[in-house]
Amino acid sequence: MNDTSPRAEALVLRLLREKTPEERFLMMCGMWAASRAFMEAGLRAEGLVPDSVAWKVATLDRTYGSEISPKRRAQLIARWTALANQG
């Protein structure tokens, strides 16, 4: 679905191309920070505790989804669980 007019899309692309690489990088950093804040707010709304194993797993799943292999995901969960049981 695309509800953006061709004229508006062309304008946005032109404005983005006029930015320096540093400006585009800083924009990306700001978007990442905002998306992370929204994700963390959602995790808190679900009752998850920051830095808990459940929090880390939910963050991993929401950030990487299917890009991380099930084997690596299981390794990380085992590691986080072991660390949580030590403290």
N, C-alpha and C. Protein backbone atom coordinates (compact mmCIF):
# COMPACT_ATOMS: atom_id res chain seq x y z
N MET A 1 0.84 -1.17 0.00
CA MET A 1 0.00 0.00 0.00
C MET A 1 0.89 1.24 0.00
N ASN A 2 0.54 2.18 -0.81
CA ASN A 2 1.28 3.43 -0.88
C ASN A 2 0.28 4.57 -0.99
N ASP A 3 0.19 5.37 0.05
CA ASP A 3 -0.76 6.48 0.02
C ASP A 3 -0.05 7.83 -0.18
N THR A 4 1.20 7.78 -0.63
CA THR A 4 1.96 8.99 -0.87
C THR A 4 1.88 9.36 -2.35
N SER A 5 1.59 10.61 -2.60
CA SER A 5 1.51 11.05 -4.00
C SER A 5 2.90 11.03 -4.61
N PRO A 6 3.00 10.81 -5.91
CA PRO A 6 4.31 10.82 -6.57
C PRO A 6 5.06 12.14 -6.35
N ARG A 7 4.33 13.23 -6.33
CA ARG A 7 4.96 14.55 -6.13
C ARG A 7 5.59 14.64 -4.74
N ALA A 8 4.84 14.20 -3.72
CA ALA A 8 5.37 14.24 -2.35
C ALA A 8 6.55 13.30 -2.20
N GLU A 9 6.46 12.12 -2.79
CA GLU A 9 7.56 11.16 -2.72
C GLU A 9 8.81 11.72 -3.37
N ALA A 10 8.67 12.35 -4.51
CA ALA A 10 9.82 12.95 -5.20
C ALA A 10 10.45 14.06 -4.36
N LEU A 11 9.62 14.85 -3.70
CA LEU A 11 10.12 15.92 -2.85
C LEU A 11 10.92 15.35 -1.68
N VAL A 12 10.38 14.35 -1.02
CA VAL A 12 11.08 13.74 0.12
C VAL A 12 12.41 13.15 -0.33
N LEU A 13 12.40 12.44 -1.44
CA LEU A 13 13.65 11.86 -1.94
C LEU A 13 14.68 12.94 -2.28
N ARG A 14 14.21 14.02 -2.88
CA ARG A 14 15.14 15.11 -3.21
C ARG A 14 15.73 15.71 -1.94
N LEU A 15 14.90 15.94 -0.94
CA LEU A 15 15.38 16.51 0.32
C LEU A 15 16.37 15.57 1.02
N LEU A 16 16.10 14.27 0.97
CA LEU A 16 17.03 13.31 1.58
C LEU A 16 18.36 13.29 0.85
N ARG A 17 18.32 13.35 -0.47
CA ARG A 17 19.56 13.34 -1.26
C ARG A 17 20.39 14.60 -1.02
N GLU A 18 19.75 15.68 -0.64
CA GLU A 18 20.48 16.93 -0.38
C GLU A 18 21.20 16.91 0.96
N LYS A 19 20.84 15.99 1.83
CA LYS A 19 21.49 15.90 3.13
C LYS A 19 22.87 15.27 2.98
N THR A 20 23.75 15.64 3.88
CA THR A 20 25.09 15.03 3.89
C THR A 20 24.97 13.61 4.45
N PRO A 21 25.97 12.78 4.20
CA PRO A 21 25.96 11.45 4.81
C PRO A 21 25.84 11.51 6.34
N GLU A 22 26.50 12.48 6.95
CA GLU A 22 26.42 12.63 8.41
C GLU A 22 24.99 12.95 8.85
N GLU A 23 24.33 13.84 8.13
CA GLU A 23 22.94 14.18 8.46
C GLU A 23 22.02 12.97 8.32
N ARG A 24 22.23 12.18 7.27
CA ARG A 24 21.41 10.98 7.09
C ARG A 24 21.68 9.96 8.19
N PHE A 25 22.95 9.84 8.59
CA PHE A 25 23.31 8.93 9.67
C PHE A 25 22.65 9.36 10.97
N LEU A 26 22.70 10.65 11.27
CA LEU A 26 22.08 11.15 12.49
C LEU A 26 20.56 10.96 12.47
N MET A 27 19.94 11.10 11.30
CA MET A 27 18.51 10.83 11.17
C MET A 27 18.22 9.36 11.52
N MET A 28 19.05 8.47 10.98
CA MET A 28 18.87 7.05 11.24
C MET A 28 19.03 6.74 12.73
N CYS A 29 20.01 7.37 13.36
CA CYS A 29 20.21 7.16 14.80
C CYS A 29 18.99 7.61 15.59
N GLY A 30 18.44 8.73 15.21
CA GLY A 30 17.24 9.22 15.88
C GLY A 30 16.05 8.30 15.69
N MET A 31 15.91 7.76 14.48
CA MET A 31 14.80 6.83 14.22
C MET A 31 14.99 5.54 15.02
N TRP A 32 16.25 5.06 15.11
CA TRP A 32 16.53 3.85 15.89
C TRP A 32 16.18 4.10 17.36
N ALA A 33 16.60 5.23 17.90
CA ALA A 33 16.33 5.54 19.30
C ALA A 33 14.83 5.63 19.56
N ALA A 34 14.11 6.25 18.64
CA ALA A 34 12.65 6.36 18.81
C ALA A 34 11.99 5.00 18.76
N SER A 35 12.40 4.17 17.80
CA SER A 35 11.78 2.84 17.70
C SER A 35 12.11 2.00 18.93
N ARG A 36 13.31 2.13 19.44
CA ARG A 36 13.71 1.40 20.66
C ARG A 36 12.86 1.86 21.85
N ALA A 37 12.64 3.16 21.96
CA ALA A 37 11.82 3.69 23.06
C ALA A 37 10.40 3.18 22.97
N PHE A 38 9.83 3.13 21.76
CA PHE A 38 8.47 2.59 21.60
C PHE A 38 8.43 1.11 21.97
N MET A 39 9.45 0.36 21.55
CA MET A 39 9.49 -1.05 21.87
C MET A 39 9.58 -1.25 23.38
N GLU A 40 10.43 -0.51 24.04
CA GLU A 40 10.57 -0.64 25.49
C GLU A 40 9.30 -0.24 26.22
N ALA A 41 8.61 0.77 25.73
CA ALA A 41 7.33 1.15 26.34
C ALA A 41 6.33 0.00 26.21
N GLY A 42 6.33 -0.67 25.06
CA GLY A 42 5.44 -1.81 24.87
C GLY A 42 5.78 -2.96 25.80
N LEU A 43 7.08 -3.20 25.99
CA LEU A 43 7.50 -4.27 26.90
C LEU A 43 7.07 -3.96 28.34
N ARG A 44 7.22 -2.71 28.74
CA ARG A 44 6.79 -2.31 30.09
C ARG A 44 5.27 -2.47 30.23
N ALA A 45 4.54 -2.10 29.19
CA ALA A 45 3.08 -2.23 29.21
C ALA A 45 2.66 -3.69 29.33
N GLU A 46 3.49 -4.59 28.84
CA GLU A 46 3.22 -6.02 28.96
C GLU A 46 3.63 -6.56 30.33
N GLY A 47 4.24 -5.72 31.15
CA GLY A 47 4.64 -6.13 32.49
C GLY A 47 6.02 -6.73 32.59
N LEU A 48 6.80 -6.62 31.53
CA LEU A 48 8.16 -7.17 31.58
C LEU A 48 9.07 -6.24 32.35
N VAL A 49 10.05 -6.83 33.02
CA VAL A 49 10.98 -6.08 33.86
C VAL A 49 12.27 -5.86 33.06
N PRO A 50 12.73 -4.60 32.97
CA PRO A 50 13.96 -4.34 32.24
C PRO A 50 15.12 -5.21 32.73
N ASP A 51 15.91 -5.69 31.80
CA ASP A 51 17.08 -6.53 32.03
C ASP A 51 16.77 -7.95 32.50
N SER A 52 15.49 -8.31 32.60
CA SER A 52 15.16 -9.70 32.91
C SER A 52 15.39 -10.55 31.66
N VAL A 53 15.43 -11.86 31.85
CA VAL A 53 15.59 -12.75 30.71
C VAL A 53 14.43 -12.57 29.73
N ALA A 54 13.22 -12.46 30.27
CA ALA A 54 12.05 -12.28 29.40
C ALA A 54 12.16 -10.99 28.59
N TRP A 55 12.63 -9.93 29.21
CA TRP A 55 12.84 -8.65 28.54
C TRP A 55 13.85 -8.81 27.39
N LYS A 56 14.97 -9.47 27.69
CA LYS A 56 16.01 -9.65 26.68
C LYS A 56 15.51 -10.50 25.52
N VAL A 57 14.76 -11.55 25.81
CA VAL A 57 14.22 -12.40 24.75
C VAL A 57 13.23 -11.63 23.89
N ALA A 58 12.35 -10.88 24.53
CA ALA A 58 11.37 -10.09 23.77
C ALA A 58 12.06 -9.04 22.92
N THR A 59 13.10 -8.41 23.46
CA THR A 59 13.87 -7.42 22.70
C THR A 59 14.56 -8.07 21.51
N LEU A 60 15.17 -9.23 21.74
CA LEU A 60 15.81 -9.97 20.66
C LEU A 60 14.83 -10.32 19.56
N ASP A 61 13.69 -10.87 19.96
CA ASP A 61 12.69 -11.29 18.97
C ASP A 61 12.14 -10.11 18.19
N ARG A 62 11.88 -9.01 18.87
CA ARG A 62 11.30 -7.85 18.18
C ARG A 62 12.32 -7.13 17.31
N THR A 63 13.59 -7.19 17.70
CA THR A 63 14.62 -6.51 16.94
C THR A 63 15.07 -7.33 15.74
N TYR A 64 15.27 -8.62 15.94
CA TYR A 64 15.85 -9.45 14.88
C TYR A 64 14.89 -10.45 14.26
N GLY A 65 13.81 -10.79 14.95
CA GLY A 65 12.82 -11.70 14.39
C GLY A 65 13.44 -12.97 13.85
N SER A 66 13.11 -13.29 12.62
CA SER A 66 13.59 -14.54 12.01
C SER A 66 15.02 -14.43 11.47
N GLU A 67 15.65 -13.27 11.63
CA GLU A 67 17.02 -13.11 11.13
C GLU A 67 18.03 -13.87 11.98
N ILE A 68 17.65 -14.20 13.20
CA ILE A 68 18.55 -14.95 14.08
C ILE A 68 18.13 -16.41 14.05
N SER A 69 19.11 -17.29 13.98
CA SER A 69 18.79 -18.71 13.88
C SER A 69 18.22 -19.22 15.21
N PRO A 70 17.38 -20.23 15.15
CA PRO A 70 16.85 -20.83 16.40
C PRO A 70 17.97 -21.33 17.31
N LYS A 71 19.03 -21.85 16.71
CA LYS A 71 20.16 -22.34 17.52
C LYS A 71 20.82 -21.19 18.28
N ARG A 72 21.09 -20.09 17.60
CA ARG A 72 21.73 -18.94 18.25
C ARG A 72 20.80 -18.32 19.29
N ARG A 73 19.51 -18.27 18.99
CA ARG A 73 18.53 -17.74 19.94
C ARG A 73 18.55 -18.58 21.22
N ALA A 74 18.56 -19.89 21.07
CA ALA A 74 18.59 -20.79 22.24
C ALA A 74 19.88 -20.61 23.03
N GLN A 75 21.00 -20.41 22.34
CA GLN A 75 22.28 -20.18 23.03
C GLN A 75 22.22 -18.91 23.87
N LEU A 76 21.66 -17.86 23.29
CA LEU A 76 21.57 -16.60 24.02
C LEU A 76 20.66 -16.73 25.24
N ILE A 77 19.53 -17.39 25.07
CA ILE A 77 18.61 -17.57 26.19
C ILE A 77 19.28 -18.37 27.30
N ALA A 78 20.00 -19.42 26.95
CA ALA A 78 20.70 -20.23 27.94
C ALA A 78 21.74 -19.38 28.68
N ARG A 79 22.46 -18.57 27.94
CA ARG A 79 23.48 -17.70 28.55
C ARG A 79 22.84 -16.69 29.50
N TRP A 80 21.78 -16.02 29.05
CA TRP A 80 21.11 -15.04 29.90
C TRP A 80 20.51 -15.69 31.15
N THR A 81 19.95 -16.88 30.98
CA THR A 81 19.36 -17.59 32.12
C THR A 81 20.45 -17.98 33.13
N ALA A 82 21.58 -18.47 32.64
CA ALA A 82 22.69 -18.83 33.53
C ALA A 82 23.20 -17.61 34.28
N LEU A 83 23.33 -16.50 33.59
CA LEU A 83 23.79 -15.26 34.25
C LEU A 83 22.78 -14.78 35.29
N ALA A 84 21.50 -14.90 34.98
CA ALA A 84 20.46 -14.47 35.92
C ALA A 84 20.47 -15.35 37.16
N ASN A 85 20.77 -16.63 36.99
CA ASN A 85 20.79 -17.56 38.13
C ASN A 85 22.03 -17.39 38.99
N GLN A 86 23.06 -16.78 38.46
CA GLN A 86 24.28 -16.51 39.23
C GLN A 86 24.09 -15.35 40.20
N GLY A 87 23.30 -14.38 39.76
CA GLY A 87 23.19 -13.14 40.54
C GLY A 87 22.11 -13.22 41.50
